[in-house]
Amino acid sequence: MDQTLSDFGTVFVFLLLGIIFVVGGYLTARLLRPSRPNPEKLAIYECGEEAVGSAWIKFNIRFYVVALIFIIFDVEVVFLFPWATVFKELGGFALIEALIFAGILIIGLVYAWVKGDLDWVRPTPNIPEMPVIEEKHKTQETS
């Protein structure tokens, strides 16, 4: 029972020290930093450029799709580095596994390419318009 309490006590001490460390850092920074606000420092900028227009504009979803596809393939390729370090010890079996892995990645890339997710500007679809047929109501005129 004492061992369990001491383990929980250790975790509690680490949590307490972590909280003290973070709060202490914030308080120290607040005490030491100069506070001289001016309009130039409070201006909004993006990468050193003046902000133009509203921040609530619609972005093309292509930015996010291309970024996600890049991250997926980038992370998957990272898995090849550990394989390359032990390739000699594993022999031909490791080569077959790596080729299967690369094949799956290539199939995924071809799928994204065929689907059009890698095109920066997707062509606008040509949707045919149906003509509006107006019904003419016959009115009976009474003379």
C-alpha atoms as a PDB file:
ATOM      1  CA  MET A   1       0.000   0.000   0.000  1.00  0.00           C
ATOM      2  CA  ASP A   2       2.866   2.376   0.755  1.00  0.00           C
ATOM      3  CA  GLN A   3       4.397   1.802  -2.684  1.00  0.00           C
ATOM      4  CA  THR A   4       1.122   2.800  -4.413  1.00  0.00           C
ATOM      5  CA  LEU A   5       0.817   5.958  -2.369  1.00  0.00           C
ATOM      6  CA  SER A   6       4.410   6.905  -3.044  1.00  0.00           C
ATOM      7  CA  ASP A   7       3.879   6.383  -6.815  1.00  0.00           C
ATOM      8  CA  PHE A   8       0.838   8.634  -6.754  1.00  0.00           C
ATOM      9  CA  GLY A   9       2.808  11.081  -4.622  1.00  0.00           C
ATOM     10  CA  THR A  10       5.578  11.143  -7.243  1.00  0.00           C
ATOM     11  CA  VAL A  11       3.070  11.853  -9.997  1.00  0.00           C
ATOM     12  CA  PHE A  12       1.472  14.579  -7.863  1.00  0.00           C
ATOM     13  CA  VAL A  13       4.855  16.200  -7.173  1.00  0.00           C
ATOM     14  CA  PHE A  14       5.696  16.191 -10.908  1.00  0.00           C
ATOM     15  CA  LEU A  15       2.319  17.732 -11.784  1.00  0.00           C
ATOM     16  CA  LEU A  16       2.728  20.357  -9.085  1.00  0.00           C
ATOM     17  CA  LEU A  17       6.272  21.196 -10.226  1.00  0.00           C
ATOM     18  CA  GLY A  18       5.081  21.398 -13.846  1.00  0.00           C
ATOM     19  CA  ILE A  19       2.312  23.836 -12.928  1.00  0.00           C
ATOM     20  CA  ILE A  20       4.701  25.922 -10.811  1.00  0.00           C
ATOM     21  CA  PHE A  21       7.247  25.954 -13.656  1.00  0.00           C
ATOM     22  CA  VAL A  22       4.709  27.169 -16.244  1.00  0.00           C
ATOM     23  CA  VAL A  23       3.052  29.759 -13.997  1.00  0.00           C
ATOM     24  CA  GLY A  24       6.463  30.926 -12.749  1.00  0.00           C
ATOM     25  CA  GLY A  25       7.640  31.397 -16.334  1.00  0.00           C
ATOM     26  CA  TYR A  26       4.604  33.498 -17.190  1.00  0.00           C
ATOM     27  CA  LEU A  27       4.929  35.617 -14.067  1.00  0.00           C
ATOM     28  CA  THR A  28       8.666  36.144 -14.562  1.00  0.00           C
ATOM     29  CA  ALA A  29       8.139  37.157 -18.192  1.00  0.00           C
ATOM     30  CA  ARG A  30       5.375  39.569 -17.188  1.00  0.00           C
ATOM     31  CA  LEU A  31       7.580  41.200 -14.557  1.00  0.00           C
ATOM     32  CA  LEU A  32      10.695  41.490 -16.716  1.00  0.00           C
ATOM     33  CA  ARG A  33       9.298  42.500 -20.106  1.00  0.00           C
ATOM     34  CA  PRO A  34       8.862  46.138 -21.031  1.00  0.00           C
ATOM     35  CA  SER A  35       5.314  47.288 -21.663  1.00  0.00           C
ATOM     36  CA  ARG A  36       5.324  50.037 -24.289  1.00  0.00           C
ATOM     37  CA  PRO A  37       2.320  49.497 -26.577  1.00  0.00           C
ATOM     38  CA  ASN A  38       1.974  51.704 -29.636  1.00  0.00           C
ATOM     39  CA  PRO A  39      -0.152  51.541 -32.791  1.00  0.00           C
ATOM     40  CA  GLU A  40       2.722  50.185 -34.876  1.00  0.00           C
ATOM     41  CA  LYS A  41       3.265  47.226 -32.550  1.00  0.00           C
ATOM     42  CA  LEU A  42      -0.453  46.528 -32.275  1.00  0.00           C
ATOM     43  CA  ALA A  43      -1.016  46.543 -36.058  1.00  0.00           C
ATOM     44  CA  ILE A  44      -1.969  43.266 -37.717  1.00  0.00           C
ATOM     45  CA  TYR A  45       0.506  41.918 -40.252  1.00  0.00           C
ATOM     46  CA  GLU A  46       1.112  38.671 -42.077  1.00  0.00           C
ATOM     47  CA  CYS A  47       4.724  37.714 -42.730  1.00  0.00           C
ATOM     48  CA  GLY A  48       5.778  41.348 -42.671  1.00  0.00           C
ATOM     49  CA  GLU A  49       3.074  42.442 -45.103  1.00  0.00           C
ATOM     50  CA  GLU A  50       0.287  44.865 -44.379  1.00  0.00           C
ATOM     51  CA  ALA A  51      -3.102  43.198 -43.974  1.00  0.00           C
ATOM     52  CA  VAL A  52      -5.473  43.943 -46.835  1.00  0.00           C
ATOM     53  CA  GLY A  53      -9.189  43.279 -46.610  1.00  0.00           C
ATOM     54  CA  SER A  54     -11.110  41.155 -44.178  1.00  0.00           C
ATOM     55  CA  ALA A  55      -9.731  38.062 -42.482  1.00  0.00           C
ATOM     56  CA  TRP A  56     -13.053  36.298 -43.064  1.00  0.00           C
ATOM     57  CA  ILE A  57     -12.543  35.552 -46.747  1.00  0.00           C
ATOM     58  CA  LYS A  58     -13.131  32.133 -48.261  1.00  0.00           C
ATOM     59  CA  PHE A  59      -9.966  30.207 -49.030  1.00  0.00           C
ATOM     60  CA  ASN A  60      -9.805  27.636 -51.748  1.00  0.00           C
ATOM     61  CA  ILE A  61     -10.073  24.178 -50.167  1.00  0.00           C
ATOM     62  CA  ARG A  62      -7.302  23.037 -52.540  1.00  0.00           C
ATOM     63  CA  PHE A  63      -4.697  24.458 -50.125  1.00  0.00           C
ATOM     64  CA  TYR A  64      -5.806  22.103 -47.383  1.00  0.00           C
ATOM     65  CA  VAL A  65      -6.278  19.052 -49.608  1.00  0.00           C
ATOM     66  CA  VAL A  66      -2.818  19.353 -51.138  1.00  0.00           C
ATOM     67  CA  ALA A  67      -1.290  19.923 -47.678  1.00  0.00           C
ATOM     68  CA  LEU A  68      -3.037  16.857 -46.239  1.00  0.00           C
ATOM     69  CA  ILE A  69      -1.945  14.669 -49.157  1.00  0.00           C
ATOM     70  CA  PHE A  70       1.625  15.903 -48.732  1.00  0.00           C
ATOM     71  CA  ILE A  71       1.588  15.147 -44.999  1.00  0.00           C
ATOM     72  CA  ILE A  72       0.146  11.665 -45.557  1.00  0.00           C
ATOM     73  CA  PHE A  73       2.797  10.692 -48.088  1.00  0.00           C
ATOM     74  CA  ASP A  74       5.576  12.442 -46.182  1.00  0.00           C
ATOM     75  CA  VAL A  75       4.803  10.543 -42.988  1.00  0.00           C
ATOM     76  CA  GLU A  76       4.502   7.258 -44.861  1.00  0.00           C
ATOM     77  CA  VAL A  77       7.877   7.718 -46.544  1.00  0.00           C
ATOM     78  CA  VAL A  78       9.467   8.299 -43.118  1.00  0.00           C
ATOM     79  CA  PHE A  79       8.662   4.653 -42.363  1.00  0.00           C
ATOM     80  CA  LEU A  80      11.185   3.641 -45.034  1.00  0.00           C
ATOM     81  CA  PHE A  81      14.160   5.016 -43.067  1.00  0.00           C
ATOM     82  CA  PRO A  82      14.118   2.393 -40.274  1.00  0.00           C
ATOM     83  CA  TRP A  83      13.666  -0.273 -42.924  1.00  0.00           C
ATOM     84  CA  ALA A  84      16.753   1.003 -44.773  1.00  0.00           C
ATOM     85  CA  THR A  85      18.894   0.750 -41.641  1.00  0.00           C
ATOM     86  CA  VAL A  86      18.181  -2.976 -41.147  1.00  0.00           C
ATOM     87  CA  PHE A  87      17.826  -3.974 -44.789  1.00  0.00           C
ATOM     88  CA  LYS A  88      20.963  -6.167 -44.860  1.00  0.00           C
ATOM     89  CA  GLU A  89      19.895  -8.186 -41.823  1.00  0.00           C
ATOM     90  CA  LEU A  90      16.385  -8.855 -43.133  1.00  0.00           C
ATOM     91  CA  GLY A  91      17.340  -9.825 -46.688  1.00  0.00           C
ATOM     92  CA  GLY A  92      14.950 -10.446 -49.568  1.00  0.00           C
ATOM     93  CA  PHE A  93      11.854 -10.593 -47.376  1.00  0.00           C
ATOM     94  CA  ALA A  94      12.402  -6.974 -46.350  1.00  0.00           C
ATOM     95  CA  LEU A  95      12.766  -5.969 -50.002  1.00  0.00           C
ATOM     96  CA  ILE A  96       9.428  -7.567 -50.862  1.00  0.00           C
ATOM     97  CA  GLU A  97       7.765  -5.851 -47.894  1.00  0.00           C
ATOM     98  CA  ALA A  98       9.196  -2.480 -48.940  1.00  0.00           C
ATOM     99  CA  LEU A  99       8.043  -2.964 -52.527  1.00  0.00           C
ATOM    100  CA  ILE A 100       4.527  -3.798 -51.331  1.00  0.00           C
ATOM    101  CA  PHE A 101       4.584  -0.715 -49.087  1.00  0.00           C
ATOM    102  CA  ALA A 102       5.804   1.492 -51.944  1.00  0.00           C
ATOM    103  CA  GLY A 103       3.184  -0.051 -54.231  1.00  0.00           C
ATOM    104  CA  ILE A 104       0.414   0.863 -51.802  1.00  0.00           C
ATOM    105  CA  LEU A 105       1.770   4.420 -51.666  1.00  0.00           C
ATOM    106  CA  ILE A 106       1.893   4.614 -55.464  1.00  0.00           C
ATOM    107  CA  ILE A 107      -1.683   3.301 -55.735  1.00  0.00           C
ATOM    108  CA  GLY A 108      -2.780   5.993 -53.270  1.00  0.00           C
ATOM    109  CA  LEU A 109      -0.948   8.668 -55.249  1.00  0.00           C
ATOM    110  CA  VAL A 110      -2.485   7.492 -58.533  1.00  0.00           C
ATOM    111  CA  TYR A 111      -5.933   7.466 -56.888  1.00  0.00           C
ATOM    112  CA  ALA A 112      -5.497  11.055 -55.686  1.00  0.00           C
ATOM    113  CA  TRP A 113      -4.206  12.063 -59.102  1.00  0.00           C
ATOM    114  CA  VAL A 114      -7.060  10.420 -61.044  1.00  0.00           C
ATOM    115  CA  LYS A 115      -9.640  11.850 -58.651  1.00  0.00           C
ATOM    116  CA  GLY A 116      -8.231  15.311 -59.409  1.00  0.00           C
ATOM    117  CA  ASP A 117      -7.111  16.151 -55.884  1.00  0.00           C
ATOM    118  CA  LEU A 118      -3.642  17.156 -57.078  1.00  0.00           C
ATOM    119  CA  ASP A 119      -4.936  19.665 -59.625  1.00  0.00           C
ATOM    120  CA  TRP A 120      -4.450  23.132 -58.242  1.00  0.00           C
ATOM    121  CA  VAL A 121      -7.420  24.580 -60.084  1.00  0.00           C
ATOM    122  CA  ARG A 122     -10.197  22.142 -60.730  1.00  0.00           C
ATOM    123  CA  PRO A 123     -12.076  22.737 -63.983  1.00  0.00           C
ATOM    124  CA  THR A 124     -15.561  24.055 -63.509  1.00  0.00           C
ATOM    125  CA  PRO A 125     -18.190  21.503 -64.439  1.00  0.00           C
ATOM    126  CA  ASN A 126     -20.328  22.234 -67.463  1.00  0.00           C
ATOM    127  CA  ILE A 127     -23.836  21.749 -66.133  1.00  0.00           C
ATOM    128  CA  PRO A 128     -26.488  22.037 -68.804  1.00  0.00           C
ATOM    129  CA  GLU A 129     -29.310  24.387 -67.992  1.00  0.00           C
ATOM    130  CA  MET A 130     -32.871  23.315 -68.445  1.00  0.00           C
ATOM    131  CA  PRO A 131     -35.067  25.926 -70.108  1.00  0.00           C
ATOM    132  CA  VAL A 132     -37.865  27.147 -67.931  1.00  0.00           C
ATOM    133  CA  ILE A 133     -41.187  26.363 -69.531  1.00  0.00           C
ATOM    134  CA  GLU A 134     -43.823  28.828 -68.588  1.00  0.00           C
ATOM    135  CA  GLU A 135     -47.360  27.586 -68.698  1.00  0.00           C
ATOM    136  CA  LYS A 136     -49.726  29.991 -70.315  1.00  0.00           C
ATOM    137  CA  HIS A 137     -52.961  30.104 -68.518  1.00  0.00           C
ATOM    138  CA  LYS A 138     -55.925  30.754 -70.652  1.00  0.00           C
ATOM    139  CA  THR A 139     -58.060  33.392 -69.170  1.00  0.00           C
ATOM    140  CA  GLN A 140     -61.635  33.553 -70.058  1.00  0.00           C
ATOM    141  CA  GLU A 141     -62.701  36.983 -70.824  1.00  0.00           C
ATOM    142  CA  THR A 142     -66.229  37.902 -70.204  1.00  0.00           C
ATOM    143  CA  SER A 143     -67.563  40.551 -72.439  1.00  0.00           C
END
